[in-house]
PDB file of N, CA and C in Angstrom:
ATOM      1  N   MET A   1     178.738 -38.573 190.338  1.00  0.00           N
ATOM      2  CA  MET A   1     179.556 -39.006 189.228  1.00  0.00           C
ATOM      3  C   MET A   1     179.848 -40.499 189.389  1.00  0.00           C
ATOM      4  N   LYS A   2     180.182 -41.101 188.266  1.00  0.00           N
ATOM      5  CA  LYS A   2     180.557 -42.506 188.272  1.00  0.00           C
ATOM      6  C   LYS A   2     181.428 -42.764 187.039  1.00  0.00           C
ATOM      7  N   ALA A   3     182.452 -43.610 187.203  1.00  0.00           N
ATOM      8  CA  ALA A   3     183.281 -43.996 186.063  1.00  0.00           C
ATOM      9  C   ALA A   3     182.425 -44.819 185.106  1.00  0.00           C
ATOM     10  N   LYS A   4     182.551 -44.538 183.812  1.00  0.00           N
ATOM     11  CA  LYS A   4     181.786 -45.284 182.827  1.00  0.00           C
ATOM     12  C   LYS A   4     182.301 -46.717 182.740  1.00  0.00           C
ATOM     13  N   LYS A   5     181.391 -47.642 182.519  1.00  0.00           N
ATOM     14  CA  LYS A   5     181.765 -49.040 182.338  1.00  0.00           C
ATOM     15  C   LYS A   5     182.540 -49.170 181.030  1.00  0.00           C
ATOM     16  N   GLY A   6     183.463 -50.093 181.035  1.00  0.00           N
ATOM     17  CA  GLY A   6     184.222 -50.367 179.827  1.00  0.00           C
ATOM     18  C   GLY A   6     185.510 -49.588 179.705  1.00  0.00           C
ATOM     19  N   PHE A   7     185.783 -48.716 180.651  1.00  0.00           N
ATOM     20  CA  PHE A   7     187.042 -47.980 180.666  1.00  0.00           C
ATOM     21  C   PHE A   7     187.863 -48.485 181.846  1.00  0.00           C
ATOM     22  N   ASN A   8     188.983 -49.120 181.527  1.00  0.00           N
ATOM     23  CA  ASN A   8     189.790 -49.763 182.563  1.00  0.00           C
ATOM     24  C   ASN A   8     191.220 -49.259 182.518  1.00  0.00           C
ATOM     25  N   LEU A   9     191.808 -49.160 183.692  1.00  0.00           N
ATOM     26  CA  LEU A   9     193.186 -48.711 183.815  1.00  0.00           C
ATOM     27  C   LEU A   9     194.110 -49.901 183.587  1.00  0.00           C
ATOM     28  N   ARG A  10     195.069 -49.719 182.701  1.00  0.00           N
ATOM     29  CA  ARG A  10     196.047 -50.757 182.387  1.00  0.00           C
ATOM     30  C   ARG A  10     197.433 -50.135 182.366  1.00  0.00           C
ATOM     31  N   GLU A  11     198.437 -50.951 182.667  1.00  0.00           N
ATOM     32  CA  GLU A  11     199.814 -50.496 182.525  1.00  0.00           C
ATOM     33  C   GLU A  11     200.322 -50.981 181.179  1.00  0.00           C
ATOM     34  N   VAL A  12     200.767 -50.044 180.349  1.00  0.00           N
ATOM     35  CA  VAL A  12     201.296 -50.355 179.033  1.00  0.00           C
ATOM     36  C   VAL A  12     202.656 -49.689 178.909  1.00  0.00           C
ATOM     37  N   CYS A  13     203.691 -50.498 178.764  1.00  0.00           N
ATOM     38  CA  CYS A  13     205.068 -49.993 178.641  1.00  0.00           C
ATOM     39  C   CYS A  13     205.421 -49.033 179.775  1.00  0.00           C
ATOM     40  N   GLY A  14     205.007 -49.361 180.983  1.00  0.00           N
ATOM     41  CA  GLY A  14     205.321 -48.547 182.147  1.00  0.00           C
ATOM     42  C   GLY A  14     204.432 -47.340 182.345  1.00  0.00           C
ATOM     43  N   GLU A  15     203.479 -47.120 181.454  1.00  0.00           N
ATOM     44  CA  GLU A  15     202.545 -45.997 181.556  1.00  0.00           C
ATOM     45  C   GLU A  15     201.185 -46.499 182.013  1.00  0.00           C
ATOM     46  N   GLN A  16     200.505 -45.712 182.849  1.00  0.00           N
ATOM     47  CA  GLN A  16     199.142 -46.015 183.266  1.00  0.00           C
ATOM     48  C   GLN A  16     198.205 -45.329 182.274  1.00  0.00           C
ATOM     49  N   ILE A  17     197.408 -46.132 181.546  1.00  0.00           N
ATOM     50  CA  ILE A  17     196.480 -45.550 180.578  1.00  0.00           C
ATOM     51  C   ILE A  17     195.094 -46.150 180.753  1.00  0.00           C
ATOM     52  N   ILE A  18     194.103 -45.391 180.334  1.00  0.00           N
ATOM     53  CA  ILE A  18     192.726 -45.878 180.319  1.00  0.00           C
ATOM     54  C   ILE A  18     192.506 -46.551 178.969  1.00  0.00           C
ATOM     55  N   VAL A  19     192.041 -47.796 179.027  1.00  0.00           N
ATOM     56  CA  VAL A  19     191.766 -48.574 177.831  1.00  0.00           C
ATOM     57  C   VAL A  19     190.262 -48.761 177.725  1.00  0.00           C
ATOM     58  N   ALA A  20     189.724 -48.453 176.553  1.00  0.00           N
ATOM     59  CA  ALA A  20     188.296 -48.649 176.299  1.00  0.00           C
ATOM     60  C   ALA A  20     188.097 -50.097 175.863  1.00  0.00           C
ATOM     61  N   GLU A  21     187.193 -50.776 176.538  1.00  0.00           N
ATOM     62  CA  GLU A  21     186.912 -52.167 176.216  1.00  0.00           C
ATOM     63  C   GLU A  21     185.430 -52.332 175.936  1.00  0.00           C
ATOM     64  N   GLY A  22     185.098 -53.184 175.005  1.00  0.00           N
ATOM     65  CA  GLY A  22     183.709 -53.430 174.662  1.00  0.00           C
ATOM     66  C   GLY A  22     183.309 -52.715 173.380  1.00  0.00           C
ATOM     67  N   LYS A  23     182.252 -53.211 172.741  1.00  0.00           N
ATOM     68  CA  LYS A  23     181.794 -52.676 171.452  1.00  0.00           C
ATOM     69  C   LYS A  23     181.413 -51.203 171.522  1.00  0.00           C
ATOM     70  N   GLU A  24     180.818 -50.792 172.638  1.00  0.00           N
ATOM     71  CA  GLU A  24     180.352 -49.414 172.745  1.00  0.00           C
ATOM     72  C   GLU A  24     181.491 -48.415 172.943  1.00  0.00           C
ATOM     73  N   ASN A  25     182.689 -48.896 173.158  1.00  0.00           N
ATOM     74  CA  ASN A  25     183.824 -48.019 173.433  1.00  0.00           C
ATOM     75  C   ASN A  25     184.940 -48.198 172.406  1.00  0.00           C
ATOM     76  N   LEU A  26     184.594 -48.229 171.139  1.00  0.00           N
ATOM     77  CA  LEU A  26     185.584 -48.504 170.106  1.00  0.00           C
ATOM     78  C   LEU A  26     186.282 -47.263 169.547  1.00  0.00           C
ATOM     79  N   ASP A  27     186.051 -46.102 170.099  1.00  0.00           N
ATOM     80  CA  ASP A  27     186.709 -44.883 169.637  1.00  0.00           C
ATOM     81  C   ASP A  27     188.095 -44.799 170.278  1.00  0.00           C
ATOM     82  N   PHE A  28     189.125 -44.989 169.456  1.00  0.00           N
ATOM     83  CA  PHE A  28     190.492 -44.966 169.971  1.00  0.00           C
ATOM     84  C   PHE A  28     191.222 -43.665 169.638  1.00  0.00           C
ATOM     85  N   THR A  29     190.475 -42.608 169.397  1.00  0.00           N
ATOM     86  CA  THR A  29     191.103 -41.344 169.021  1.00  0.00           C
ATOM     87  C   THR A  29     191.669 -40.588 170.214  1.00  0.00           C
ATOM     88  N   ASN A  30     191.351 -41.020 171.410  1.00  0.00           N
ATOM     89  CA  ASN A  30     191.800 -40.309 172.608  1.00  0.00           C
ATOM     90  C   ASN A  30     192.392 -41.300 173.599  1.00  0.00           C
ATOM     91  N   ILE A  31     193.706 -41.311 173.725  1.00  0.00           N
ATOM     92  CA  ILE A  31     194.370 -42.151 174.715  1.00  0.00           C
ATOM     93  C   ILE A  31     194.491 -41.333 175.990  1.00  0.00           C
ATOM     94  N   ILE A  32     194.093 -41.914 177.088  1.00  0.00           N
ATOM     95  CA  ILE A  32     194.076 -41.194 178.354  1.00  0.00           C
ATOM     96  C   ILE A  32     195.182 -41.745 179.243  1.00  0.00           C
ATOM     97  N   SER A  33     196.202 -40.957 179.437  1.00  0.00           N
ATOM     98  CA  SER A  33     197.325 -41.336 180.279  1.00  0.00           C
ATOM     99  C   SER A  33     197.100 -40.783 181.682  1.00  0.00           C
ATOM    100  N   MET A  34     197.441 -41.569 182.686  1.00  0.00           N
ATOM    101  CA  MET A  34     197.231 -41.151 184.069  1.00  0.00           C
ATOM    102  C   MET A  34     198.552 -41.134 184.829  1.00  0.00           C
ATOM    103  N   ASN A  35     198.705 -40.126 185.683  1.00  0.00           N
ATOM    104  CA  ASN A  35     199.855 -40.129 186.579  1.00  0.00           C
ATOM    105  C   ASN A  35     199.497 -40.980 187.808  1.00  0.00           C
ATOM    106  N   GLU A  36     200.408 -41.089 188.736  1.00  0.00           N
ATOM    107  CA  GLU A  36     200.201 -41.946 189.916  1.00  0.00           C
ATOM    108  C   GLU A  36     198.956 -41.538 190.710  1.00  0.00           C
ATOM    109  N   SER A  37     198.771 -40.246 190.914  1.00  0.00           N
ATOM    110  CA  SER A  37     197.629 -39.765 191.704  1.00  0.00           C
ATOM    111  C   SER A  37     196.307 -40.025 191.008  1.00  0.00           C
ATOM    112  N   SER A  38     196.230 -39.721 189.715  1.00  0.00           N
ATOM    113  CA  SER A  38     194.965 -39.935 189.014  1.00  0.00           C
ATOM    114  C   SER A  38     194.657 -41.421 188.872  1.00  0.00           C
ATOM    115  N   ALA A  39     195.684 -42.261 188.693  1.00  0.00           N
ATOM    116  CA  ALA A  39     195.469 -43.712 188.630  1.00  0.00           C
ATOM    117  C   ALA A  39     194.952 -44.226 189.977  1.00  0.00           C
ATOM    118  N   PHE A  40     195.519 -43.704 191.067  1.00  0.00           N
ATOM    119  CA  PHE A  40     195.046 -44.083 192.402  1.00  0.00           C
ATOM    120  C   PHE A  40     193.571 -43.717 192.568  1.00  0.00           C
ATOM    121  N   LEU A  41     193.203 -42.498 192.180  1.00  0.00           N
ATOM    122  CA  LEU A  41     191.819 -42.065 192.311  1.00  0.00           C
ATOM    123  C   LEU A  41     190.896 -42.896 191.422  1.00  0.00           C
ATOM    124  N   TRP A  42     191.313 -43.148 190.184  1.00  0.00           N
ATOM    125  CA  TRP A  42     190.497 -43.935 189.263  1.00  0.00           C
ATOM    126  C   TRP A  42     190.203 -45.319 189.844  1.00  0.00           C
ATOM    127  N   ASN A  43     191.249 -45.976 190.334  1.00  0.00           N
ATOM    128  CA  ASN A  43     191.059 -47.305 190.936  1.00  0.00           C
ATOM    129  C   ASN A  43     190.166 -47.240 192.169  1.00  0.00           C
ATOM    130  N   SER A  44     190.252 -46.169 192.911  1.00  0.00           N
ATOM    131  CA  SER A  44     189.488 -46.033 194.158  1.00  0.00           C
ATOM    132  C   SER A  44     188.000 -45.821 193.921  1.00  0.00           C
ATOM    133  N   VAL A  45     187.617 -45.276 192.783  1.00  0.00           N
ATOM    134  CA  VAL A  45     186.202 -44.973 192.549  1.00  0.00           C
ATOM    135  C   VAL A  45     185.516 -45.951 191.590  1.00  0.00           C
ATOM    136  N   GLN A  46     186.232 -46.943 191.126  1.00  0.00           N
ATOM    137  CA  GLN A  46     185.627 -47.909 190.208  1.00  0.00           C
ATOM    138  C   GLN A  46     184.397 -48.561 190.821  1.00  0.00           C
ATOM    139  N   GLY A  47     183.293 -48.526 190.074  1.00  0.00           N
ATOM    140  CA  GLY A  47     182.057 -49.167 190.504  1.00  0.00           C
ATOM    141  C   GLY A  47     181.302 -48.439 191.598  1.00  0.00           C
ATOM    142  N   LYS A  48     181.709 -47.198 191.901  1.00  0.00           N
ATOM    143  CA  LYS A  48     181.077 -46.430 192.983  1.00  0.00           C
ATOM    144  C   LYS A  48     180.646 -45.055 192.478  1.00  0.00           C
ATOM    145  N   GLU A  49     179.597 -44.550 193.097  1.00  0.00           N
ATOM    146  CA  GLU A  49     179.245 -43.147 192.905  1.00  0.00           C
ATOM    147  C   GLU A  49     180.254 -42.324 193.713  1.00  0.00           C
ATOM    148  N   PHE A  50     180.648 -41.166 193.200  1.00  0.00           N
ATOM    149  CA  PHE A  50     181.593 -40.332 193.939  1.00  0.00           C
ATOM    150  C   PHE A  50     181.326 -38.861 193.662  1.00  0.00           C
ATOM    151  N   THR A  51     181.814 -38.037 194.567  1.00  0.00           N
ATOM    152  CA  THR A  51     181.719 -36.585 194.437  1.00  0.00           C
ATOM    153  C   THR A  51     183.126 -36.001 194.445  1.00  0.00           C
ATOM    154  N   ILE A  52     183.214 -34.731 194.184  1.00  0.00           N
ATOM    155  CA  ILE A  52     184.504 -34.054 194.259  1.00  0.00           C
ATOM    156  C   ILE A  52     185.049 -34.122 195.683  1.00  0.00           C
ATOM    157  N   GLU A  53     184.158 -34.081 196.664  1.00  0.00           N
ATOM    158  CA  GLU A  53     184.579 -34.195 198.069  1.00  0.00           C
ATOM    159  C   GLU A  53     185.197 -35.569 198.343  1.00  0.00           C
ATOM    160  N   ASP A  54     184.617 -36.613 197.748  1.00  0.00           N
ATOM    161  CA  ASP A  54     185.177 -37.961 197.914  1.00  0.00           C
ATOM    162  C   ASP A  54     186.592 -38.029 197.352  1.00  0.00           C
ATOM    163  N   LEU A  55     186.787 -37.444 196.184  1.00  0.00           N
ATOM    164  CA  LEU A  55     188.115 -37.444 195.571  1.00  0.00           C
ATOM    165  C   LEU A  55     189.110 -36.672 196.429  1.00  0.00           C
ATOM    166  N   ALA A  56     188.693 -35.518 196.933  1.00  0.00           N
ATOM    167  CA  ALA A  56     189.575 -34.725 197.796  1.00  0.00           C
ATOM    168  C   ALA A  56     189.918 -35.501 199.065  1.00  0.00           C
ATOM    169  N   ASP A  57     188.927 -36.191 199.646  1.00  0.00           N
ATOM    170  CA  ASP A  57     189.186 -37.003 200.843  1.00  0.00           C
ATOM    171  C   ASP A  57     190.217 -38.094 200.560  1.00  0.00           C
ATOM    172  N   LEU A  58     190.106 -38.733 199.398  1.00  0.00           N
ATOM    173  CA  LEU A  58     191.076 -39.769 199.028  1.00  0.00           C
ATOM    174  C   LEU A  58     192.477 -39.187 198.910  1.00  0.00           C
ATOM    175  N   LEU A  59     192.587 -38.001 198.317  1.00  0.00           N
ATOM    176  CA  LEU A  59     193.898 -37.359 198.220  1.00  0.00           C
ATOM    177  C   LEU A  59     194.455 -37.025 199.592  1.00  0.00           C
ATOM    178  N   VAL A  60     193.603 -36.458 200.438  1.00  0.00           N
ATOM    179  CA  VAL A  60     194.035 -36.086 201.789  1.00  0.00           C
ATOM    180  C   VAL A  60     194.508 -37.323 202.547  1.00  0.00           C
ATOM    181  N   ASP A  61     193.732 -38.383 202.488  1.00  0.00           N
ATOM    182  CA  ASP A  61     194.074 -39.608 203.225  1.00  0.00           C
ATOM    183  C   ASP A  61     195.313 -40.297 202.659  1.00  0.00           C
ATOM    184  N   ASN A  62     195.406 -40.390 201.339  1.00  0.00           N
ATOM    185  CA  ASN A  62     196.501 -41.137 200.724  1.00  0.00           C
ATOM    186  C   ASN A  62     197.828 -40.395 200.779  1.00  0.00           C
ATOM    187  N   TYR A  63     197.782 -39.086 200.666  1.00  0.00           N
ATOM    188  CA  TYR A  63     199.020 -38.326 200.605  1.00  0.00           C
ATOM    189  C   TYR A  63     199.322 -37.593 201.907  1.00  0.00           C
ATOM    190  N   MET A  64     198.644 -37.980 202.988  1.00  0.00           N
ATOM    191  CA  MET A  64     198.876 -37.455 204.324  1.00  0.00           C
ATOM    192  C   MET A  64     198.860 -35.929 204.371  1.00  0.00           C
ATOM    193  N   ILE A  65     197.916 -35.359 203.666  1.00  0.00           N
ATOM    194  CA  ILE A  65     197.722 -33.912 203.722  1.00  0.00           C
ATOM    195  C   ILE A  65     197.000 -33.618 205.027  1.00  0.00           C
ATOM    196  N   ASP A  66     197.387 -32.573 205.698  1.00  0.00           N
ATOM    197  CA  ASP A  66     196.744 -32.215 206.957  1.00  0.00           C
ATOM    198  C   ASP A  66     195.349 -31.687 206.666  1.00  0.00           C
ATOM    199  N   GLU A  67     194.348 -32.523 206.915  1.00  0.00           N
ATOM    200  CA  GLU A  67     192.972 -32.137 206.592  1.00  0.00           C
ATOM    201  C   GLU A  67     192.453 -30.994 207.461  1.00  0.00           C
ATOM    202  N   ASN A  68     193.137 -30.693 208.548  1.00  0.00           N
ATOM    203  CA  ASN A  68     192.712 -29.597 209.409  1.00  0.00           C
ATOM    204  C   ASN A  68     193.250 -28.246 208.952  1.00  0.00           C
ATOM    205  N   THR A  69     194.133 -28.274 207.973  1.00  0.00           N
ATOM    206  CA  THR A  69     194.665 -27.039 207.425  1.00  0.00           C
ATOM    207  C   THR A  69     193.835 -26.681 206.198  1.00  0.00           C
ATOM    208  N   PRO A  70     193.061 -25.615 206.275  1.00  0.00           N
ATOM    209  CA  PRO A  70     192.172 -25.262 205.162  1.00  0.00           C
ATOM    210  C   PRO A  70     192.889 -25.151 203.823  1.00  0.00           C
ATOM    211  N   LEU A  71     194.099 -24.605 203.808  1.00  0.00           N
ATOM    212  CA  LEU A  71     194.826 -24.437 202.558  1.00  0.00           C
ATOM    213  C   LEU A  71     195.101 -25.792 201.911  1.00  0.00           C
ATOM    214  N   ASP A  72     195.545 -26.774 202.713  1.00  0.00           N
ATOM    215  CA  ASP A  72     195.841 -28.091 202.169  1.00  0.00           C
ATOM    216  C   ASP A  72     194.572 -28.791 201.694  1.00  0.00           C
ATOM    217  N   ARG A  73     193.508 -28.663 202.442  1.00  0.00           N
ATOM    218  CA  ARG A  73     192.232 -29.276 202.059  1.00  0.00           C
ATOM    219  C   ARG A  73     191.715 -28.626 200.778  1.00  0.00           C
ATOM    220  N   GLU A  74     191.819 -27.330 200.680  1.00  0.00           N
ATOM    221  CA  GLU A  74     191.392 -26.632 199.475  1.00  0.00           C
ATOM    222  C   GLU A  74     192.265 -27.002 198.280  1.00  0.00           C
ATOM    223  N   ARG A  75     193.546 -27.186 198.507  1.00  0.00           N
ATOM    224  CA  ARG A  75     194.458 -27.609 197.421  1.00  0.00           C
ATOM    225  C   ARG A  75     194.076 -28.994 196.921  1.00  0.00           C
ATOM    226  N   ALA A  76     193.763 -29.903 197.841  1.00  0.00           N
ATOM    227  CA  ALA A  76     193.342 -31.248 197.453  1.00  0.00           C
ATOM    228  C   ALA A  76     192.056 -31.181 196.628  1.00  0.00           C
ATOM    229  N   LYS A  77     191.134 -30.349 197.040  1.00  0.00           N
ATOM    230  CA  LYS A  77     189.864 -30.209 196.327  1.00  0.00           C
ATOM    231  C   LYS A  77     190.091 -29.586 194.945  1.00  0.00           C
ATOM    232  N   LYS A  78     190.954 -28.589 194.868  1.00  0.00           N
ATOM    233  CA  LYS A  78     191.263 -27.946 193.589  1.00  0.00           C
ATOM    234  C   LYS A  78     191.928 -28.946 192.636  1.00  0.00           C
ATOM    235  N   ASP A  79     192.873 -29.726 193.138  1.00  0.00           N
ATOM    236  CA  ASP A  79     193.549 -30.729 192.313  1.00  0.00           C
ATOM    237  C   ASP A  79     192.574 -31.806 191.850  1.00  0.00           C
ATOM    238  N   ALA A  80     191.690 -32.235 192.749  1.00  0.00           N
ATOM    239  CA  ALA A  80     190.687 -33.245 192.401  1.00  0.00           C
ATOM    240  C   ALA A  80     189.742 -32.700 191.331  1.00  0.00           C
ATOM    241  N   GLN A  81     189.357 -31.442 191.446  1.00  0.00           N
ATOM    242  CA  GLN A  81     188.458 -30.842 190.453  1.00  0.00           C
ATOM    243  C   GLN A  81     189.129 -30.748 189.088  1.00  0.00           C
ATOM    244  N   ALA A  82     190.389 -30.388 189.068  1.00  0.00           N
ATOM    245  CA  ALA A  82     191.119 -30.293 187.802  1.00  0.00           C
ATOM    246  C   ALA A  82     191.191 -31.664 187.127  1.00  0.00           C
ATOM    247  N   MET A  83     191.439 -32.700 187.912  1.00  0.00           N
ATOM    248  CA  MET A  83     191.505 -34.044 187.368  1.00  0.00           C
ATOM    249  C   MET A  83     190.137 -34.510 186.886  1.00  0.00           C
ATOM    250  N   LEU A  84     189.098 -34.233 187.672  1.00  0.00           N
ATOM    251  CA  LEU A  84     187.747 -34.613 187.292  1.00  0.00           C
ATOM    252  C   LEU A  84     187.325 -33.894 186.010  1.00  0.00           C
ATOM    253  N   ASP A  85     187.706 -32.644 185.856  1.00  0.00           N
ATOM    254  CA  ASP A  85     187.399 -31.903 184.629  1.00  0.00           C
ATOM    255  C   ASP A  85     187.997 -32.608 183.407  1.00  0.00           C
ATOM    256  N   LYS A  86     189.203 -33.138 183.554  1.00  0.00           N
ATOM    257  CA  LYS A  86     189.839 -33.871 182.453  1.00  0.00           C
ATOM    258  C   LYS A  86     189.095 -35.166 182.167  1.00  0.00           C
ATOM    259  N   TRP A  87     188.627 -35.845 183.214  1.00  0.00           N
ATOM    260  CA  TRP A  87     187.857 -37.081 183.009  1.00  0.00           C
ATOM    261  C   TRP A  87     186.552 -36.786 182.276  1.00  0.00           C
ATOM    262  N   VAL A  88     185.895 -35.681 182.658  1.00  0.00           N
ATOM    263  CA  VAL A  88     184.641 -35.297 182.001  1.00  0.00           C
ATOM    264  C   VAL A  88     184.919 -34.972 180.535  1.00  0.00           C
ATOM    265  N   GLU A  89     185.968 -34.215 180.272  1.00  0.00           N
ATOM    266  CA  GLU A  89     186.341 -33.854 178.909  1.00  0.00           C
ATOM    267  C   GLU A  89     186.642 -35.110 178.068  1.00  0.00           C
ATOM    268  N   ALA A  90     187.277 -36.105 178.680  1.00  0.00           N
ATOM    269  CA  ALA A  90     187.598 -37.353 177.986  1.00  0.00           C
ATOM    270  C   ALA A  90     186.393 -38.284 177.871  1.00  0.00           C
ATOM    271  N   ASN A  91     185.301 -37.913 178.539  1.00  0.00           N
ATOM    272  CA  ASN A  91     184.055 -38.669 178.477  1.00  0.00           C
ATOM    273  C   ASN A  91     184.185 -40.082 179.070  1.00  0.00           C
ATOM    274  N   ILE A  92     184.912 -40.173 180.188  1.00  0.00           N
ATOM    275  CA  ILE A  92     185.075 -41.479 180.841  1.00  0.00           C
ATOM    276  C   ILE A  92     184.309 -41.573 182.152  1.00  0.00           C
ATOM    277  N   VAL A  93     183.591 -40.508 182.509  1.00  0.00           N
ATOM    278  CA  VAL A  93     182.721 -40.517 183.688  1.00  0.00           C
ATOM    279  C   VAL A  93     181.343 -40.039 183.268  1.00  0.00           C
ATOM    280  N   GLU A  94     180.362 -40.379 184.090  1.00  0.00           N
ATOM    281  CA  GLU A  94     178.989 -39.963 183.819  1.00  0.00           C
ATOM    282  C   GLU A  94     178.333 -39.522 185.110  1.00  0.00           C
ATOM    283  N   GLU A  95     177.299 -38.708 184.973  1.00  0.00           N
ATOM    284  CA  GLU A  95     176.584 -38.236 186.149  1.00  0.00           C
ATOM    285  C   GLU A  95     175.493 -39.199 186.517  1.00  0.00           C
TER     286      GLU A  95
END
């Protein structure tokens, strides 16, 4: 996976949102708001190929989840997958 070019995270009125920039991204029918965790992940994967495992690793490392505890690691992976599903639905990432 990779974040699509032209979609950038901006702070607007205290909210973290994805802003489409450039001629090819002129559809403003879907505003994508991000919470702190999803904004952190979005910034971390900009310009890079990533997998669901990469996202889970970022969550584990950033939020000090015990990576040796299977339940916590699985929770991080489940949360990362849920967030990635929303990104795919919003069409802001590509394979």
